[in-house]
Amino acid sequence: MIAVVQDLKDSVGIEIGLSSWITIDQAMIDAFAAVTGDHQFIHTDPKAAELTSLGGTIAHGFLILSLLPKMIQDCAMQPRTQSTGVNYGLDDVRFVAPVPVGARIRGRFVLNDYVEPHPGVRKLCWDVTVEIEGKEKPALVAKWRALRVERKS
């Protein structure tokens, strides 16, 4: 999808997109553990994790959080102008339910706020919910703040 600035201004309070499903497999979890150094057995040792109340390995919460850019790119409007997105921060991040290995997740994005503090700069705030297929509780909820900065000609 492509949007103009006016489309974004008029979209506050509206669900902008729902991403495609992403399967969380053990290889993805193990790769994330290798990069972050978080090798807790509930993430990386299927046999030990099976003996817990979780019933098997689960994804790192930060792994799920790190997939937000992939999810939003999959479904949200991209401005026609030459601009780039910059993470500005997260508020109220909550890891609501564990994501078991083999689960599929997707992101739901509602534009919560839109401000143009300077020419060529747009501040966006997204209400994000990451759903787990077949589960009532989401994996996470957050307010994700981003900047769109236009390139100079």
C-alpha atoms as a PDB file:
ATOM      1  CA  MET A   1       0.000   0.000   0.000  1.00  0.00           C
ATOM      2  CA  ILE A   2       1.103   3.526  -0.676  1.00  0.00           C
ATOM      3  CA  ALA A   3      -0.250   6.553   1.108  1.00  0.00           C
ATOM      4  CA  VAL A   4       0.056  10.272   0.946  1.00  0.00           C
ATOM      5  CA  VAL A   5       0.515  12.352   4.080  1.00  0.00           C
ATOM      6  CA  GLN A   6      -3.174  13.291   4.084  1.00  0.00           C
ATOM      7  CA  ASP A   7      -4.100   9.605   4.200  1.00  0.00           C
ATOM      8  CA  LEU A   8      -2.030   9.200   7.364  1.00  0.00           C
ATOM      9  CA  LYS A   9      -3.515  12.303   8.992  1.00  0.00           C
ATOM     10  CA  ASP A  10      -7.007  10.976   8.323  1.00  0.00           C
ATOM     11  CA  SER A  11      -6.191   7.480   9.606  1.00  0.00           C
ATOM     12  CA  VAL A  12      -5.729   8.187  13.322  1.00  0.00           C
ATOM     13  CA  GLY A  13      -7.854   5.736  15.285  1.00  0.00           C
ATOM     14  CA  ILE A  14      -8.223   3.353  12.360  1.00  0.00           C
ATOM     15  CA  GLU A  15      -6.770  -0.130  11.994  1.00  0.00           C
ATOM     16  CA  ILE A  16      -4.183   0.323   9.270  1.00  0.00           C
ATOM     17  CA  GLY A  17      -3.171  -3.243   8.718  1.00  0.00           C
ATOM     18  CA  LEU A  18      -2.995  -6.870   9.672  1.00  0.00           C
ATOM     19  CA  SER A  19       0.218  -8.638   8.702  1.00  0.00           C
ATOM     20  CA  SER A  20       0.643 -12.085   7.239  1.00  0.00           C
ATOM     21  CA  TRP A  21       1.253 -14.976   9.611  1.00  0.00           C
ATOM     22  CA  ILE A  22       4.848 -15.709  10.646  1.00  0.00           C
ATOM     23  CA  THR A  23       5.769 -19.178  11.885  1.00  0.00           C
ATOM     24  CA  ILE A  24       8.054 -19.186  14.916  1.00  0.00           C
ATOM     25  CA  ASP A  25      10.288 -22.242  14.611  1.00  0.00           C
ATOM     26  CA  GLN A  26      13.097 -23.538  16.806  1.00  0.00           C
ATOM     27  CA  ALA A  27      15.768 -22.449  14.324  1.00  0.00           C
ATOM     28  CA  MET A  28      14.541 -18.836  14.586  1.00  0.00           C
ATOM     29  CA  ILE A  29      14.516 -19.034  18.393  1.00  0.00           C
ATOM     30  CA  ASP A  30      18.011 -20.547  18.471  1.00  0.00           C
ATOM     31  CA  ALA A  31      19.371 -17.881  16.090  1.00  0.00           C
ATOM     32  CA  PHE A  32      17.910 -15.142  18.295  1.00  0.00           C
ATOM     33  CA  ALA A  33      19.467 -16.765  21.376  1.00  0.00           C
ATOM     34  CA  ALA A  34      22.841 -16.852  19.631  1.00  0.00           C
ATOM     35  CA  VAL A  35      22.679 -13.146  18.779  1.00  0.00           C
ATOM     36  CA  THR A  36      21.414 -11.968  22.177  1.00  0.00           C
ATOM     37  CA  GLY A  37      23.192 -14.459  24.437  1.00  0.00           C
ATOM     38  CA  ASP A  38      19.863 -15.408  26.052  1.00  0.00           C
ATOM     39  CA  HIS A  39      20.148 -19.190  26.187  1.00  0.00           C
ATOM     40  CA  GLN A  40      17.576 -19.905  28.904  1.00  0.00           C
ATOM     41  CA  PHE A  41      16.464 -23.498  28.575  1.00  0.00           C
ATOM     42  CA  ILE A  42      12.801 -22.503  28.109  1.00  0.00           C
ATOM     43  CA  HIS A  43      13.891 -21.118  24.741  1.00  0.00           C
ATOM     44  CA  THR A  44      16.665 -23.425  23.594  1.00  0.00           C
ATOM     45  CA  ASP A  45      16.314 -26.856  25.235  1.00  0.00           C
ATOM     46  CA  PRO A  46      13.169 -28.615  23.999  1.00  0.00           C
ATOM     47  CA  LYS A  47      13.576 -31.638  26.308  1.00  0.00           C
ATOM     48  CA  ALA A  48      14.035 -29.559  29.477  1.00  0.00           C
ATOM     49  CA  ALA A  49      11.303 -27.099  28.462  1.00  0.00           C
ATOM     50  CA  GLU A  50       8.894 -29.991  27.894  1.00  0.00           C
ATOM     51  CA  LEU A  51       9.127 -30.783  31.612  1.00  0.00           C
ATOM     52  CA  THR A  52       7.822 -27.321  32.582  1.00  0.00           C
ATOM     53  CA  SER A  53       4.257 -26.056  32.671  1.00  0.00           C
ATOM     54  CA  LEU A  54       4.990 -24.459  29.270  1.00  0.00           C
ATOM     55  CA  GLY A  55       5.118 -27.918  27.674  1.00  0.00           C
ATOM     56  CA  GLY A  56       7.960 -27.031  25.326  1.00  0.00           C
ATOM     57  CA  THR A  57      10.166 -24.212  24.175  1.00  0.00           C
ATOM     58  CA  ILE A  58       8.808 -20.692  23.760  1.00  0.00           C
ATOM     59  CA  ALA A  59      10.024 -17.696  21.799  1.00  0.00           C
ATOM     60  CA  HIS A  60      11.835 -14.885  23.553  1.00  0.00           C
ATOM     61  CA  GLY A  61       9.522 -11.936  24.115  1.00  0.00           C
ATOM     62  CA  PHE A  62      12.142  -9.694  22.536  1.00  0.00           C
ATOM     63  CA  LEU A  63      12.200 -11.944  19.455  1.00  0.00           C
ATOM     64  CA  ILE A  64       8.484 -11.318  18.980  1.00  0.00           C
ATOM     65  CA  LEU A  65       9.030  -7.594  19.553  1.00  0.00           C
ATOM     66  CA  SER A  66      11.874  -7.547  17.007  1.00  0.00           C
ATOM     67  CA  LEU A  67       9.524  -8.827  14.306  1.00  0.00           C
ATOM     68  CA  LEU A  68       7.369  -5.670  14.396  1.00  0.00           C
ATOM     69  CA  PRO A  69       9.237  -3.981  11.493  1.00  0.00           C
ATOM     70  CA  LYS A  70       8.675  -7.047   9.302  1.00  0.00           C
ATOM     71  CA  MET A  71       5.009  -7.137  10.247  1.00  0.00           C
ATOM     72  CA  ILE A  72       4.282  -3.455   9.660  1.00  0.00           C
ATOM     73  CA  GLN A  73       6.127  -3.437   6.348  1.00  0.00           C
ATOM     74  CA  ASP A  74       3.887  -6.298   5.284  1.00  0.00           C
ATOM     75  CA  CYS A  75       0.650  -4.440   5.865  1.00  0.00           C
ATOM     76  CA  ALA A  76       0.868  -0.704   6.525  1.00  0.00           C
ATOM     77  CA  MET A  77       0.722   2.191   4.139  1.00  0.00           C
ATOM     78  CA  GLN A  78       4.063   3.406   2.832  1.00  0.00           C
ATOM     79  CA  PRO A  79       4.227   7.131   2.034  1.00  0.00           C
ATOM     80  CA  ARG A  80       4.815   8.075  -1.607  1.00  0.00           C
ATOM     81  CA  THR A  81       7.490  10.562  -0.610  1.00  0.00           C
ATOM     82  CA  GLN A  82      11.068   9.411  -0.297  1.00  0.00           C
ATOM     83  CA  SER A  83      11.336   8.929   3.442  1.00  0.00           C
ATOM     84  CA  THR A  84      12.748   6.511   5.931  1.00  0.00           C
ATOM     85  CA  GLY A  85      11.345   5.133   9.145  1.00  0.00           C
ATOM     86  CA  VAL A  86      13.233   5.496  12.414  1.00  0.00           C
ATOM     87  CA  ASN A  87      12.323   3.785  15.671  1.00  0.00           C
ATOM     88  CA  TYR A  88      11.512   6.424  18.288  1.00  0.00           C
ATOM     89  CA  GLY A  89      10.600   4.161  21.188  1.00  0.00           C
ATOM     90  CA  LEU A  90       8.062   1.886  22.778  1.00  0.00           C
ATOM     91  CA  ASP A  91       5.594   2.539  25.568  1.00  0.00           C
ATOM     92  CA  ASP A  92       3.563   0.114  27.639  1.00  0.00           C
ATOM     93  CA  VAL A  93       5.105  -3.056  26.179  1.00  0.00           C
ATOM     94  CA  ARG A  94       3.495  -6.126  27.716  1.00  0.00           C
ATOM     95  CA  PHE A  95       4.308  -9.754  26.944  1.00  0.00           C
ATOM     96  CA  VAL A  96       0.834 -11.146  27.549  1.00  0.00           C
ATOM     97  CA  ALA A  97       1.141 -14.803  26.531  1.00  0.00           C
ATOM     98  CA  PRO A  98       4.036 -17.114  25.618  1.00  0.00           C
ATOM     99  CA  VAL A  99       4.558 -18.051  21.979  1.00  0.00           C
ATOM    100  CA  PRO A 100       5.253 -21.787  21.735  1.00  0.00           C
ATOM    101  CA  VAL A 101       7.588 -23.159  19.108  1.00  0.00           C
ATOM    102  CA  GLY A 102       5.648 -23.858  15.922  1.00  0.00           C
ATOM    103  CA  ALA A 103       3.040 -21.157  16.594  1.00  0.00           C
ATOM    104  CA  ARG A 104       2.072 -18.577  14.008  1.00  0.00           C
ATOM    105  CA  ILE A 105       1.835 -14.898  14.900  1.00  0.00           C
ATOM    106  CA  ARG A 106       0.693 -11.750  13.136  1.00  0.00           C
ATOM    107  CA  GLY A 107       0.625  -8.047  13.903  1.00  0.00           C
ATOM    108  CA  ARG A 108      -2.417  -5.793  14.075  1.00  0.00           C
ATOM    109  CA  PHE A 109      -1.669  -2.060  13.776  1.00  0.00           C
ATOM    110  CA  VAL A 110      -3.874   0.890  14.681  1.00  0.00           C
ATOM    111  CA  LEU A 111      -2.541   4.398  14.096  1.00  0.00           C
ATOM    112  CA  ASN A 112      -2.927   6.064  17.499  1.00  0.00           C
ATOM    113  CA  ASP A 113      -1.339   9.454  16.815  1.00  0.00           C
ATOM    114  CA  TYR A 114       0.084  11.511  13.960  1.00  0.00           C
ATOM    115  CA  VAL A 115       2.041  14.751  14.368  1.00  0.00           C
ATOM    116  CA  GLU A 116       4.239  16.824  12.039  1.00  0.00           C
ATOM    117  CA  PRO A 117       6.613  18.598  14.448  1.00  0.00           C
ATOM    118  CA  HIS A 118       8.854  19.961  11.665  1.00  0.00           C
ATOM    119  CA  PRO A 119       8.684  20.112   7.862  1.00  0.00           C
ATOM    120  CA  GLY A 120       9.665  16.719   6.490  1.00  0.00           C
ATOM    121  CA  VAL A 121       9.285  14.928   9.847  1.00  0.00           C
ATOM    122  CA  ARG A 122       6.237  12.934  10.912  1.00  0.00           C
ATOM    123  CA  LYS A 123       5.813  11.321  14.336  1.00  0.00           C
ATOM    124  CA  LEU A 124       3.584   8.268  14.387  1.00  0.00           C
ATOM    125  CA  CYS A 125       2.365   6.169  17.279  1.00  0.00           C
ATOM    126  CA  TRP A 126       0.997   2.713  16.606  1.00  0.00           C
ATOM    127  CA  ASP A 127      -1.108   0.576  18.922  1.00  0.00           C
ATOM    128  CA  VAL A 128       0.273  -2.870  18.192  1.00  0.00           C
ATOM    129  CA  THR A 129      -1.185  -6.253  19.071  1.00  0.00           C
ATOM    130  CA  VAL A 130       0.670  -9.423  18.119  1.00  0.00           C
ATOM    131  CA  GLU A 131      -1.817 -12.259  17.887  1.00  0.00           C
ATOM    132  CA  ILE A 132      -1.115 -15.966  18.245  1.00  0.00           C
ATOM    133  CA  GLU A 133      -3.121 -18.095  15.836  1.00  0.00           C
ATOM    134  CA  GLY A 134      -5.883 -19.980  17.645  1.00  0.00           C
ATOM    135  CA  LYS A 135      -5.267 -18.266  21.005  1.00  0.00           C
ATOM    136  CA  GLU A 136      -7.478 -15.776  22.787  1.00  0.00           C
ATOM    137  CA  LYS A 137      -4.653 -13.869  24.466  1.00  0.00           C
ATOM    138  CA  PRO A 138      -2.156 -11.974  22.327  1.00  0.00           C
ATOM    139  CA  ALA A 139       1.580 -12.515  22.533  1.00  0.00           C
ATOM    140  CA  LEU A 140       2.194  -8.834  23.165  1.00  0.00           C
ATOM    141  CA  VAL A 141       0.673  -5.391  23.134  1.00  0.00           C
ATOM    142  CA  ALA A 142       2.594  -2.118  22.853  1.00  0.00           C
ATOM    143  CA  LYS A 143       2.582   1.469  21.741  1.00  0.00           C
ATOM    144  CA  TRP A 144       5.267   1.815  19.089  1.00  0.00           C
ATOM    145  CA  ARG A 145       6.569   5.263  18.257  1.00  0.00           C
ATOM    146  CA  ALA A 146       8.260   5.956  14.943  1.00  0.00           C
ATOM    147  CA  LEU A 147       9.494   8.880  12.904  1.00  0.00           C
ATOM    148  CA  ARG A 148       9.203   9.246   9.156  1.00  0.00           C
ATOM    149  CA  VAL A 149      11.964  11.504   7.904  1.00  0.00           C
ATOM    150  CA  GLU A 150      11.929  12.743   4.309  1.00  0.00           C
ATOM    151  CA  ARG A 151      15.144  12.689   2.317  1.00  0.00           C
ATOM    152  CA  LYS A 152      16.516  16.036   1.221  1.00  0.00           C
ATOM    153  CA  SER A 153      16.477  16.610  -2.512  1.00  0.00           C
END
